[in-house]
N, C-alpha and C. Protein backbone atom coordinates (compact mmCIF):
# COMPACT_ATOMS: atom_id res chain seq x y z
N PRO A 1 -4.17 5.72 5.04
CA PRO A 1 -4.10 4.30 5.32
C PRO A 1 -2.72 3.76 4.74
N PRO A 2 -2.35 2.60 5.30
CA PRO A 2 -1.11 2.02 4.84
C PRO A 2 -1.18 1.66 3.37
N ARG A 3 -0.17 1.99 2.65
CA ARG A 3 -0.06 1.57 1.21
C ARG A 3 0.95 0.53 1.00
N PRO A 4 0.88 -0.30 -0.02
CA PRO A 4 1.86 -1.31 -0.27
C PRO A 4 3.23 -0.73 -0.57
N ARG A 5 4.28 -1.44 -0.20
CA ARG A 5 5.61 -1.00 -0.54
C ARG A 5 5.81 -1.03 -2.06
N THR A 6 6.44 0.11 -2.54
CA THR A 6 6.74 0.17 -3.97
C THR A 6 8.16 0.25 -4.20
N ASP A 7 8.99 0.44 -3.08
CA ASP A 7 10.43 0.65 -3.29
C ASP A 7 11.04 -0.76 -3.60
N PRO A 8 12.21 -0.75 -4.40
CA PRO A 8 12.83 -2.06 -4.70
C PRO A 8 13.28 -2.87 -3.50
N LEU A 9 13.55 -4.09 -3.73
CA LEU A 9 14.09 -4.98 -2.67
C LEU A 9 15.52 -4.49 -2.38
N PRO A 10 16.04 -4.65 -1.14
CA PRO A 10 17.36 -4.23 -0.93
C PRO A 10 18.39 -5.05 -1.73
N ARG A 11 19.49 -4.43 -2.19
CA ARG A 11 20.49 -5.03 -3.01
C ARG A 11 20.97 -6.39 -2.53
N PRO A 12 21.32 -6.53 -1.17
CA PRO A 12 21.78 -7.90 -0.74
C PRO A 12 20.72 -8.99 -1.03
N LEU A 13 19.47 -8.72 -0.81
CA LEU A 13 18.42 -9.68 -1.05
C LEU A 13 18.28 -9.97 -2.50
N LEU A 14 18.40 -8.93 -3.40
CA LEU A 14 18.41 -9.19 -4.86
C LEU A 14 19.45 -10.12 -5.26
N THR A 15 20.58 -9.87 -4.74
CA THR A 15 21.84 -10.61 -5.14
C THR A 15 21.69 -12.14 -4.73
N ALA A 16 21.04 -12.33 -3.51
CA ALA A 16 20.83 -13.70 -3.01
C ALA A 16 19.64 -14.44 -3.64
N LEU A 17 18.65 -13.67 -4.22
CA LEU A 17 17.51 -14.25 -4.70
C LEU A 17 17.70 -15.41 -5.68
N PRO A 18 18.56 -15.29 -6.66
CA PRO A 18 18.70 -16.38 -7.67
C PRO A 18 19.14 -17.71 -6.97
N ALA A 19 20.01 -17.64 -5.95
CA ALA A 19 20.44 -18.86 -5.32
C ALA A 19 19.25 -19.42 -4.40
N VAL A 20 18.47 -18.64 -3.83
CA VAL A 20 17.33 -19.08 -3.05
C VAL A 20 16.36 -19.75 -3.92
N LEU A 21 15.97 -19.15 -5.10
CA LEU A 21 15.08 -19.68 -6.01
C LEU A 21 15.59 -21.06 -6.75
N ALA A 22 16.88 -21.09 -6.87
CA ALA A 22 17.49 -22.37 -7.45
C ALA A 22 17.35 -23.48 -6.48
N ALA A 23 17.34 -23.21 -5.21
CA ALA A 23 17.35 -24.27 -4.17
C ALA A 23 15.94 -25.05 -4.21
N GLY A 24 15.01 -24.50 -4.93
CA GLY A 24 13.64 -25.16 -4.90
C GLY A 24 12.65 -24.46 -4.06
N PRO A 25 11.39 -25.02 -4.02
CA PRO A 25 10.42 -24.36 -3.22
C PRO A 25 10.72 -24.35 -1.79
N LEU A 26 10.46 -23.18 -1.13
CA LEU A 26 10.72 -22.98 0.31
C LEU A 26 9.66 -23.76 1.09
N TRP A 27 8.54 -24.12 0.53
CA TRP A 27 7.50 -24.70 1.39
C TRP A 27 7.46 -26.27 1.11
N ALA A 28 8.37 -26.78 0.46
CA ALA A 28 8.42 -28.26 0.21
C ALA A 28 8.37 -29.12 1.42
N ALA A 29 9.05 -28.63 2.50
CA ALA A 29 9.10 -29.42 3.70
C ALA A 29 8.01 -29.22 4.65
N VAL A 30 7.08 -28.32 4.31
CA VAL A 30 5.86 -28.01 5.16
C VAL A 30 4.82 -29.04 4.87
N GLU A 31 4.38 -29.73 5.93
CA GLU A 31 3.20 -30.64 5.72
C GLU A 31 1.95 -29.93 6.00
N PRO A 32 0.93 -30.08 5.01
CA PRO A 32 -0.31 -29.44 5.25
C PRO A 32 -0.96 -29.95 6.55
N THR A 33 -1.67 -29.14 7.23
CA THR A 33 -2.39 -29.59 8.42
C THR A 33 -3.84 -29.33 8.24
N ALA A 34 -4.64 -30.15 8.88
CA ALA A 34 -6.11 -29.82 8.97
C ALA A 34 -6.33 -28.74 9.95
N PRO A 35 -7.35 -27.87 9.62
CA PRO A 35 -7.65 -26.82 10.53
C PRO A 35 -8.16 -27.39 11.83
N PRO A 36 -7.95 -26.72 12.97
CA PRO A 36 -8.45 -27.16 14.21
C PRO A 36 -10.02 -27.29 14.20
N ARG A 37 -10.48 -28.26 14.81
CA ARG A 37 -11.95 -28.48 14.93
C ARG A 37 -12.48 -27.40 15.97
N ARG A 38 -13.48 -26.81 15.55
CA ARG A 38 -14.10 -25.84 16.42
C ARG A 38 -15.46 -26.38 16.89
N LYS A 39 -15.84 -26.06 18.09
CA LYS A 39 -17.05 -26.46 18.69
C LYS A 39 -18.26 -25.69 18.06
N ARG A 40 -19.14 -26.46 17.39
CA ARG A 40 -20.32 -25.85 16.77
C ARG A 40 -21.33 -26.90 16.42
N GLY A 41 -22.63 -26.48 16.21
CA GLY A 41 -23.65 -27.39 15.80
C GLY A 41 -23.61 -27.77 14.38
N SER A 42 -24.46 -28.62 14.00
CA SER A 42 -24.49 -29.13 12.61
C SER A 42 -25.44 -28.35 11.67
N ALA A 43 -26.18 -27.40 12.13
CA ALA A 43 -27.06 -26.69 11.28
C ALA A 43 -26.29 -25.99 10.14
N ILE A 44 -26.99 -25.93 8.92
CA ILE A 44 -26.41 -25.25 7.73
C ILE A 44 -27.45 -24.26 7.28
N VAL A 45 -27.01 -23.05 7.15
CA VAL A 45 -27.89 -21.96 6.70
C VAL A 45 -27.23 -21.38 5.45
N ASP A 46 -28.07 -21.16 4.33
CA ASP A 46 -27.62 -20.55 3.10
C ASP A 46 -27.95 -19.12 3.14
N VAL A 47 -27.04 -18.19 2.86
CA VAL A 47 -27.32 -16.80 2.88
C VAL A 47 -28.33 -16.41 1.89
N ARG A 48 -28.46 -17.11 0.78
CA ARG A 48 -29.46 -16.75 -0.29
C ARG A 48 -30.91 -17.10 0.28
N ASP A 49 -30.99 -17.98 1.18
CA ASP A 49 -32.37 -18.31 1.67
C ASP A 49 -32.86 -17.11 2.64
N HIS A 50 -31.95 -16.23 2.92
CA HIS A 50 -32.33 -15.09 3.74
C HIS A 50 -32.24 -13.78 3.00
N GLY A 51 -32.37 -13.86 1.60
CA GLY A 51 -32.50 -12.65 0.78
C GLY A 51 -31.31 -12.11 0.19
N ALA A 52 -30.17 -12.75 0.20
CA ALA A 52 -28.96 -12.21 -0.37
C ALA A 52 -28.86 -12.75 -1.89
N PRO A 53 -29.10 -11.76 -2.85
CA PRO A 53 -28.91 -12.25 -4.23
C PRO A 53 -27.50 -12.54 -4.65
N GLY A 54 -26.50 -11.81 -4.08
CA GLY A 54 -25.10 -11.98 -4.44
C GLY A 54 -24.84 -11.66 -5.91
N ASP A 55 -25.55 -10.59 -6.33
CA ASP A 55 -25.45 -10.21 -7.77
C ASP A 55 -24.44 -9.06 -7.98
N GLY A 56 -23.82 -8.60 -6.93
CA GLY A 56 -22.91 -7.50 -7.06
C GLY A 56 -23.45 -6.12 -7.19
N MET A 57 -24.84 -6.03 -7.12
CA MET A 57 -25.49 -4.69 -7.24
C MET A 57 -26.28 -4.38 -5.96
N ASN A 58 -26.93 -5.38 -5.38
CA ASN A 58 -27.75 -5.08 -4.22
C ASN A 58 -26.96 -5.21 -2.86
N ASP A 59 -27.34 -4.46 -1.92
CA ASP A 59 -26.76 -4.58 -0.59
C ASP A 59 -27.17 -5.88 0.10
N ASP A 60 -26.20 -6.65 0.39
CA ASP A 60 -26.44 -8.05 1.03
C ASP A 60 -26.19 -8.03 2.56
N THR A 61 -25.94 -6.93 3.09
CA THR A 61 -25.49 -6.83 4.54
C THR A 61 -26.57 -7.37 5.45
N ALA A 62 -27.80 -6.89 5.37
CA ALA A 62 -28.92 -7.43 6.26
C ALA A 62 -29.16 -8.87 6.08
N ALA A 63 -29.07 -9.33 4.80
CA ALA A 63 -29.47 -10.74 4.56
C ALA A 63 -28.27 -11.67 5.11
N LEU A 64 -27.03 -11.16 5.06
CA LEU A 64 -25.91 -11.92 5.71
C LEU A 64 -26.16 -12.05 7.26
N GLN A 65 -26.54 -10.86 7.83
CA GLN A 65 -26.75 -10.86 9.22
C GLN A 65 -27.99 -11.69 9.66
N ARG A 66 -29.00 -11.77 8.87
CA ARG A 66 -30.19 -12.58 9.18
C ARG A 66 -29.74 -14.07 9.10
N ALA A 67 -28.96 -14.47 8.14
CA ALA A 67 -28.47 -15.81 8.00
C ALA A 67 -27.63 -16.23 9.28
N ILE A 68 -26.76 -15.26 9.71
CA ILE A 68 -25.96 -15.54 10.90
C ILE A 68 -26.89 -15.68 12.15
N ASP A 69 -27.88 -14.83 12.25
CA ASP A 69 -28.84 -14.84 13.42
C ASP A 69 -29.74 -16.01 13.32
N ALA A 70 -29.90 -16.69 12.17
CA ALA A 70 -30.85 -17.72 12.05
C ALA A 70 -30.18 -19.10 12.64
N LEU A 71 -28.91 -19.08 12.86
CA LEU A 71 -28.23 -20.27 13.52
C LEU A 71 -28.88 -20.48 14.79
N PRO A 72 -29.05 -21.80 15.10
CA PRO A 72 -29.58 -22.13 16.56
C PRO A 72 -28.44 -21.79 17.56
N GLU A 73 -28.86 -21.90 18.81
CA GLU A 73 -27.90 -21.58 19.96
C GLU A 73 -26.62 -22.33 19.82
N GLU A 74 -26.68 -23.73 19.50
CA GLU A 74 -25.45 -24.41 19.33
C GLU A 74 -24.60 -24.11 18.11
N GLY A 75 -25.11 -23.24 17.30
CA GLY A 75 -24.34 -22.71 16.12
C GLY A 75 -24.49 -23.67 14.95
N GLY A 76 -23.50 -23.47 13.91
CA GLY A 76 -23.52 -24.18 12.74
C GLY A 76 -22.74 -23.45 11.72
N THR A 77 -23.15 -23.64 10.48
CA THR A 77 -22.39 -23.12 9.30
C THR A 77 -23.36 -22.21 8.47
N VAL A 78 -22.80 -21.05 8.14
CA VAL A 78 -23.50 -20.22 7.19
C VAL A 78 -22.73 -20.31 5.88
N GLU A 79 -23.45 -20.78 4.81
CA GLU A 79 -22.80 -20.94 3.47
C GLU A 79 -23.13 -19.79 2.59
N VAL A 80 -22.07 -19.31 1.99
CA VAL A 80 -22.16 -18.21 1.01
C VAL A 80 -21.75 -18.73 -0.43
N PRO A 81 -22.76 -19.03 -1.23
CA PRO A 81 -22.45 -19.56 -2.58
C PRO A 81 -21.79 -18.60 -3.44
N ALA A 82 -21.35 -19.05 -4.56
CA ALA A 82 -20.61 -18.21 -5.65
C ALA A 82 -21.47 -16.98 -5.89
N GLY A 83 -20.79 -15.86 -5.98
CA GLY A 83 -21.41 -14.58 -6.27
C GLY A 83 -20.68 -13.43 -5.62
N THR A 84 -21.15 -12.15 -5.93
CA THR A 84 -20.49 -11.02 -5.33
C THR A 84 -21.58 -10.40 -4.43
N TYR A 85 -21.27 -10.33 -3.11
CA TYR A 85 -22.20 -9.91 -2.04
C TYR A 85 -21.65 -8.57 -1.59
N ILE A 86 -22.43 -7.50 -1.81
CA ILE A 86 -22.11 -6.14 -1.40
C ILE A 86 -22.43 -6.04 0.09
N ILE A 87 -21.34 -5.69 0.91
CA ILE A 87 -21.49 -5.60 2.28
C ILE A 87 -21.19 -4.10 2.74
N ASP A 88 -22.12 -3.51 3.50
CA ASP A 88 -21.91 -2.18 4.06
C ASP A 88 -21.00 -2.30 5.27
N PRO A 89 -19.74 -1.93 5.19
CA PRO A 89 -18.98 -2.07 6.42
C PRO A 89 -19.23 -1.21 7.50
N THR A 90 -20.02 -0.23 7.29
CA THR A 90 -20.47 0.72 8.40
C THR A 90 -21.52 -0.03 9.29
N ARG A 91 -22.17 -1.03 8.71
CA ARG A 91 -23.20 -1.86 9.43
C ARG A 91 -22.62 -3.19 9.79
N ARG A 92 -21.39 -3.45 9.41
CA ARG A 92 -20.60 -4.57 9.73
C ARG A 92 -21.32 -5.92 10.29
N PRO A 93 -21.52 -6.79 9.50
CA PRO A 93 -22.16 -8.06 9.96
C PRO A 93 -21.30 -8.60 11.18
N SER A 94 -22.01 -9.12 12.14
CA SER A 94 -21.30 -9.52 13.38
C SER A 94 -21.44 -11.12 13.45
N LEU A 95 -20.32 -11.72 13.47
CA LEU A 95 -20.22 -13.18 13.62
C LEU A 95 -20.61 -13.55 15.13
N ARG A 96 -21.06 -14.79 15.27
CA ARG A 96 -21.46 -15.23 16.67
C ARG A 96 -20.66 -16.39 17.04
N SER A 97 -20.69 -16.79 18.23
CA SER A 97 -19.95 -18.02 18.66
C SER A 97 -20.51 -19.21 18.00
N ARG A 98 -19.60 -20.20 17.91
CA ARG A 98 -19.86 -21.51 17.46
C ARG A 98 -20.42 -21.51 15.98
N MET A 99 -19.71 -20.72 15.13
CA MET A 99 -20.16 -20.70 13.77
C MET A 99 -19.01 -20.78 12.78
N HIS A 100 -19.30 -21.26 11.55
CA HIS A 100 -18.41 -21.28 10.43
C HIS A 100 -18.98 -20.43 9.28
N LEU A 101 -18.33 -19.34 8.89
CA LEU A 101 -18.78 -18.65 7.70
C LEU A 101 -17.93 -19.16 6.57
N LYS A 102 -18.68 -19.94 5.77
CA LYS A 102 -18.03 -20.73 4.70
C LYS A 102 -18.42 -20.16 3.33
N LEU A 103 -17.40 -19.44 2.74
CA LEU A 103 -17.58 -18.88 1.43
C LEU A 103 -17.11 -19.92 0.40
N ALA A 104 -17.91 -20.06 -0.67
CA ALA A 104 -17.57 -20.84 -1.79
C ALA A 104 -16.30 -20.23 -2.49
N PRO A 105 -15.50 -21.07 -3.16
CA PRO A 105 -14.34 -20.45 -3.82
C PRO A 105 -14.54 -19.20 -4.68
N ASP A 106 -15.70 -19.12 -5.30
CA ASP A 106 -16.07 -18.05 -6.16
C ASP A 106 -17.01 -16.98 -5.54
N ALA A 107 -17.08 -17.04 -4.17
CA ALA A 107 -17.79 -16.04 -3.42
C ALA A 107 -16.97 -14.88 -3.04
N GLN A 108 -17.50 -13.68 -3.09
CA GLN A 108 -16.81 -12.52 -2.78
C GLN A 108 -17.67 -11.60 -1.91
N LEU A 109 -17.13 -11.13 -0.78
CA LEU A 109 -17.78 -10.13 0.03
C LEU A 109 -17.13 -8.84 -0.29
N LYS A 110 -17.87 -7.96 -0.89
CA LYS A 110 -17.25 -6.69 -1.48
C LYS A 110 -17.74 -5.52 -0.60
N ALA A 111 -16.83 -4.76 -0.09
CA ALA A 111 -17.16 -3.55 0.73
C ALA A 111 -17.83 -2.47 -0.07
N LYS A 112 -18.97 -1.96 0.38
CA LYS A 112 -19.63 -0.87 -0.20
C LYS A 112 -18.76 0.47 0.12
N PRO A 113 -18.46 1.23 -0.86
CA PRO A 113 -17.77 2.49 -0.56
C PRO A 113 -18.36 3.32 0.47
N ASN A 114 -17.49 3.84 1.38
CA ASN A 114 -18.02 4.68 2.54
C ASN A 114 -16.90 5.75 2.92
N ALA A 115 -17.26 6.61 3.76
CA ALA A 115 -16.32 7.55 4.23
C ALA A 115 -15.95 7.47 5.62
N GLU A 116 -16.29 6.39 6.35
CA GLU A 116 -16.07 6.26 7.71
C GLU A 116 -14.55 5.93 8.06
N GLU A 117 -14.16 6.40 9.14
CA GLU A 117 -12.79 6.06 9.59
C GLU A 117 -12.65 4.73 10.07
N ARG A 118 -13.78 4.18 10.61
CA ARG A 118 -13.78 2.80 11.20
C ARG A 118 -14.88 2.00 10.60
N ALA A 119 -14.60 1.09 9.76
CA ALA A 119 -15.60 0.23 9.15
C ALA A 119 -15.04 -1.13 8.84
N PHE A 120 -15.77 -2.23 9.01
CA PHE A 120 -15.31 -3.59 8.85
C PHE A 120 -16.30 -4.40 8.04
N VAL A 121 -15.77 -5.16 7.12
CA VAL A 121 -16.67 -6.03 6.35
C VAL A 121 -17.22 -7.15 7.18
N LEU A 122 -16.38 -7.76 8.12
CA LEU A 122 -16.90 -8.69 9.04
C LEU A 122 -16.33 -8.29 10.45
N MET A 123 -17.08 -8.59 11.44
CA MET A 123 -16.64 -8.32 12.86
C MET A 123 -17.06 -9.42 13.74
N ALA A 124 -16.14 -9.77 14.63
CA ALA A 124 -16.40 -10.74 15.71
C ALA A 124 -15.87 -10.24 16.99
N SER A 125 -16.78 -9.91 17.90
CA SER A 125 -16.48 -9.36 19.23
C SER A 125 -16.96 -10.25 20.41
N LYS A 126 -16.03 -10.64 21.29
CA LYS A 126 -16.37 -11.40 22.41
C LYS A 126 -17.15 -12.71 22.07
N VAL A 127 -16.55 -13.39 20.98
CA VAL A 127 -17.19 -14.66 20.65
C VAL A 127 -16.08 -15.73 20.69
N ASP A 128 -16.50 -17.05 20.54
CA ASP A 128 -15.51 -18.08 20.57
C ASP A 128 -15.92 -19.18 19.60
N ASP A 129 -14.96 -20.00 19.20
CA ASP A 129 -15.13 -21.21 18.35
C ASP A 129 -15.75 -20.66 17.02
N ILE A 130 -15.06 -19.80 16.28
CA ILE A 130 -15.58 -19.42 14.96
C ILE A 130 -14.53 -19.76 13.91
N GLU A 131 -15.01 -19.92 12.66
CA GLU A 131 -14.07 -20.19 11.58
C GLU A 131 -14.64 -19.35 10.37
N ILE A 132 -13.71 -18.80 9.58
CA ILE A 132 -14.04 -18.06 8.36
C ILE A 132 -13.15 -18.70 7.28
N SER A 133 -13.70 -19.16 6.24
CA SER A 133 -12.96 -19.82 5.21
C SER A 133 -13.47 -19.58 3.78
N GLY A 134 -12.57 -19.75 2.86
CA GLY A 134 -12.89 -19.64 1.45
C GLY A 134 -13.15 -18.27 0.85
N GLY A 135 -13.27 -18.22 -0.43
CA GLY A 135 -13.66 -16.99 -1.15
C GLY A 135 -12.70 -15.82 -0.94
N ARG A 136 -13.28 -14.61 -1.04
CA ARG A 136 -12.54 -13.38 -1.01
C ARG A 136 -13.34 -12.32 -0.26
N ILE A 137 -12.49 -11.36 0.32
CA ILE A 137 -13.05 -10.13 0.87
C ILE A 137 -12.39 -9.02 0.07
N LEU A 138 -13.11 -8.16 -0.54
CA LEU A 138 -12.56 -7.10 -1.30
C LEU A 138 -12.94 -5.77 -0.62
N GLY A 139 -12.01 -4.98 -0.07
CA GLY A 139 -12.24 -3.75 0.49
C GLY A 139 -12.64 -2.58 -0.41
N ASP A 140 -12.80 -1.41 0.14
CA ASP A 140 -13.27 -0.30 -0.67
C ASP A 140 -12.13 0.71 -0.99
N ARG A 141 -10.93 0.29 -0.96
CA ARG A 141 -9.76 1.17 -1.10
C ARG A 141 -9.88 1.96 -2.41
N ASP A 142 -10.33 1.31 -3.51
CA ASP A 142 -10.43 1.99 -4.79
C ASP A 142 -11.55 2.99 -4.86
N GLY A 143 -12.55 2.84 -3.99
CA GLY A 143 -13.70 3.70 -4.06
C GLY A 143 -14.03 4.42 -2.75
N HIS A 144 -13.08 4.41 -1.77
CA HIS A 144 -13.33 4.95 -0.45
C HIS A 144 -13.70 6.47 -0.68
N LEU A 145 -14.69 6.90 0.11
CA LEU A 145 -15.21 8.20 -0.08
C LEU A 145 -14.62 9.26 0.88
N GLY A 146 -13.82 8.80 1.78
CA GLY A 146 -13.22 9.80 2.76
C GLY A 146 -11.61 9.74 2.52
N ASN A 147 -10.95 10.52 3.39
CA ASN A 147 -9.53 10.49 3.30
C ASN A 147 -8.77 10.43 4.61
N THR A 148 -9.62 10.04 5.63
CA THR A 148 -9.01 9.95 7.01
C THR A 148 -9.32 8.52 7.53
N GLY A 149 -8.66 8.15 8.69
CA GLY A 149 -8.90 6.91 9.28
C GLY A 149 -7.98 5.81 8.66
N GLU A 150 -7.85 4.82 9.39
CA GLU A 150 -7.01 3.59 9.01
C GLU A 150 -7.63 2.36 9.36
N TRP A 151 -8.95 2.36 9.67
CA TRP A 151 -9.56 1.17 10.24
C TRP A 151 -10.64 0.51 9.23
N GLY A 152 -10.36 0.49 8.05
CA GLY A 152 -11.28 -0.03 7.08
C GLY A 152 -10.80 -1.45 6.84
N HIS A 153 -11.13 -2.40 7.78
CA HIS A 153 -10.57 -3.72 7.68
C HIS A 153 -11.57 -4.74 7.03
N GLY A 154 -10.98 -5.79 6.50
CA GLY A 154 -11.76 -6.90 6.00
C GLY A 154 -12.35 -7.67 7.08
N ILE A 155 -11.51 -8.04 8.14
CA ILE A 155 -12.06 -8.75 9.35
C ILE A 155 -11.53 -8.11 10.59
N ALA A 156 -12.36 -7.81 11.52
CA ALA A 156 -11.88 -7.25 12.82
C ALA A 156 -12.38 -8.24 13.90
N LEU A 157 -11.38 -8.67 14.65
CA LEU A 157 -11.59 -9.66 15.77
C LEU A 157 -11.31 -8.94 17.12
N TYR A 158 -12.22 -8.83 17.98
CA TYR A 158 -12.03 -8.15 19.29
C TYR A 158 -12.44 -9.14 20.30
N GLY A 159 -11.51 -9.46 21.22
CA GLY A 159 -11.84 -10.35 22.36
C GLY A 159 -12.36 -11.72 21.95
N ALA A 160 -12.04 -12.18 20.79
CA ALA A 160 -12.49 -13.51 20.27
C ALA A 160 -11.56 -14.56 20.72
N LYS A 161 -12.05 -15.79 20.89
CA LYS A 161 -11.21 -16.87 21.31
C LYS A 161 -11.46 -18.09 20.38
N ARG A 162 -10.42 -18.89 20.08
CA ARG A 162 -10.44 -19.94 19.28
C ARG A 162 -11.08 -19.67 17.92
N VAL A 163 -10.29 -18.88 17.12
CA VAL A 163 -10.77 -18.39 15.82
C VAL A 163 -9.86 -18.98 14.75
N THR A 164 -10.47 -19.46 13.72
CA THR A 164 -9.65 -19.93 12.53
C THR A 164 -10.04 -19.15 11.27
N VAL A 165 -9.13 -18.52 10.66
CA VAL A 165 -9.29 -17.87 9.40
C VAL A 165 -8.35 -18.51 8.38
N ARG A 166 -8.99 -19.18 7.36
CA ARG A 166 -8.15 -19.96 6.40
C ARG A 166 -8.71 -19.88 5.00
N ASP A 167 -7.78 -20.11 4.00
CA ASP A 167 -8.15 -20.23 2.69
C ASP A 167 -9.01 -19.09 2.04
N ILE A 168 -8.65 -17.93 2.51
CA ILE A 168 -9.41 -16.74 2.07
C ILE A 168 -8.49 -15.64 1.60
N HIS A 169 -8.85 -14.90 0.61
CA HIS A 169 -8.02 -13.89 0.05
C HIS A 169 -8.72 -12.51 0.42
N ILE A 170 -7.88 -11.66 1.14
CA ILE A 170 -8.44 -10.36 1.56
C ILE A 170 -7.52 -9.30 0.94
N SER A 171 -8.17 -8.40 0.14
CA SER A 171 -7.36 -7.38 -0.53
C SER A 171 -8.08 -5.98 -0.64
N ARG A 172 -7.30 -5.04 -0.97
CA ARG A 172 -7.88 -3.65 -1.31
C ARG A 172 -8.70 -3.03 -0.21
N CYS A 173 -8.31 -3.29 1.05
CA CYS A 173 -9.01 -2.70 2.20
C CYS A 173 -8.51 -1.26 2.40
N TRP A 174 -9.27 -0.34 2.94
CA TRP A 174 -8.88 0.97 3.29
C TRP A 174 -7.80 0.89 4.40
N GLY A 175 -7.93 -0.03 5.30
CA GLY A 175 -6.96 -0.37 6.30
C GLY A 175 -6.29 -1.61 6.12
N GLU A 176 -6.08 -2.41 7.15
CA GLU A 176 -5.51 -3.73 7.06
C GLU A 176 -6.56 -4.77 6.65
N GLY A 177 -6.10 -5.85 6.11
CA GLY A 177 -7.02 -6.99 5.74
C GLY A 177 -7.70 -7.52 6.96
N GLY A 178 -6.96 -7.53 8.19
CA GLY A 178 -7.52 -8.05 9.35
C GLY A 178 -6.87 -7.38 10.59
N GLU A 179 -7.66 -7.32 11.63
CA GLU A 179 -7.13 -6.69 12.99
C GLU A 179 -7.58 -7.59 14.03
N VAL A 180 -6.70 -7.88 14.95
CA VAL A 180 -6.96 -8.74 16.10
C VAL A 180 -6.59 -7.97 17.36
N PHE A 181 -7.53 -7.92 18.35
CA PHE A 181 -7.26 -7.40 19.67
C PHE A 181 -7.65 -8.38 20.70
N ALA A 182 -6.93 -8.54 21.74
CA ALA A 182 -7.28 -9.50 22.82
C ALA A 182 -8.50 -9.01 23.60
N SER A 183 -8.77 -7.66 23.63
CA SER A 183 -9.86 -7.23 24.44
C SER A 183 -10.96 -6.56 23.62
N ALA A 184 -12.12 -6.74 23.83
CA ALA A 184 -13.19 -6.06 23.10
C ALA A 184 -13.26 -4.57 23.46
N SER A 185 -12.66 -4.11 24.50
CA SER A 185 -12.74 -2.77 24.99
C SER A 185 -11.97 -1.84 24.09
N THR A 186 -11.18 -2.35 23.18
CA THR A 186 -10.43 -1.47 22.24
C THR A 186 -11.26 -1.25 21.03
N SER A 187 -12.46 -1.83 20.86
CA SER A 187 -13.23 -1.68 19.61
C SER A 187 -14.18 -0.56 19.62
N THR A 188 -13.76 0.57 20.19
CA THR A 188 -14.66 1.76 20.15
C THR A 188 -15.02 2.03 18.69
N THR A 189 -16.22 2.31 18.39
CA THR A 189 -16.64 2.45 17.01
C THR A 189 -17.40 3.75 16.86
N SER A 190 -17.41 4.29 15.70
CA SER A 190 -18.17 5.43 15.34
C SER A 190 -19.35 5.02 14.57
N GLY A 191 -20.48 5.78 14.59
CA GLY A 191 -21.61 5.52 13.82
C GLY A 191 -22.40 4.37 14.22
């Protein structure tokens, strides 16, 4: 899997860095913007009401999927309160159209270690009008049980339309933090 760069910054960049930093914050001129509004219903479902303890020890995968599936046809929001939710990325919870997966700032979806070449903490395939926000996704890089493959992603989006991913920290994945493909036909999976 891809590993973070550990080589030093190129010398010209190191030489210019003090001048760039002295000029002040690079983001000062950027105006914050509100996320785009996505079409969805007003229902709110709490993942704990569907059996997810979020205690960092029990597998919360099925409970998260039950909460997602409990949304009505017009969609709504699945709230994930503070806690550590163990997710089996080989069973990858599937997001649906017209939903917001809203993690509390102290909520973490933590990948259960596995040996699969292709596994995702969250997946969205052929859906539209979804939003994922807040909290953290922590991959299984430190405990991965295999040594092949590069598709251990935090979020995999295949053929999804009108997607917003914001205010979330994704790290330590066996592969990339996220993967986006225009077509769902590229999402061949094992297992």
